[in-house]
């Protein structure tokens, strides 16, 4: 699904526009997973509009021995962390099973450290739910691709990838990895995600913490009120 938008004032406005595109889908039992940090302000608006819980999904690259910048896989957190390994790349890089296990342990520890810093609490379960994966935009798509591959293993009922802006080529490569794809702007040529925002300043850790806390309080208030109140 694509709609024609020009520029976004900021991530908040982009999230509101994205939410308007998602509402008609009437997703069953939705949960919003945002990629930190820039995806969190966007995801916050989506979660608020859908009446859904908001959580973050963190992707940590598994780098090759001696060349950590060369990814041979990725670890994606969640209620059941998932590992995606490119076996051919791992063999070519000489990554042994023991090496991969050490890297997994190291990256799991880093994920836990970041979750503690963001004070998110335990990851939200996605099994059997409609999962909306949100970021502020997609350039290469490598991080999103790892997230989608891992999420599929967690057995959600439906995976929706929702972003304000993306490269057309990248979007095409991701279509087969989700049940639905919502993108508001697909510029051609594509230069950078930030080129489509008036304000694309870096999202701070403090903002992430505040937005996640606000979303959590809203969800708890909704649960306490119950459907009949």
Foldseek 3Di string as FASTA:
>chain_A
DEAADFFAAALLRLLQVLLVVCVVVLFDQEAEEEAPDQFLSSSLSNCVSNVHAYYYKYKDFCAFVVGHVHGQWIWIDALDIFTGGNVVVNVVSVPDPVNSVVSVVVVVVVVVVLCVLLVQPHGDQQAQGEYEYTHQEEEQCPRVVRVLVRVVVSHHPFYEYTYAEYAPVNVVVCVVSGPYYYYHYHDVPDDDSCVRYSDYDHDDSVNSSVSNVVSVVSSVVDVVVDPVD
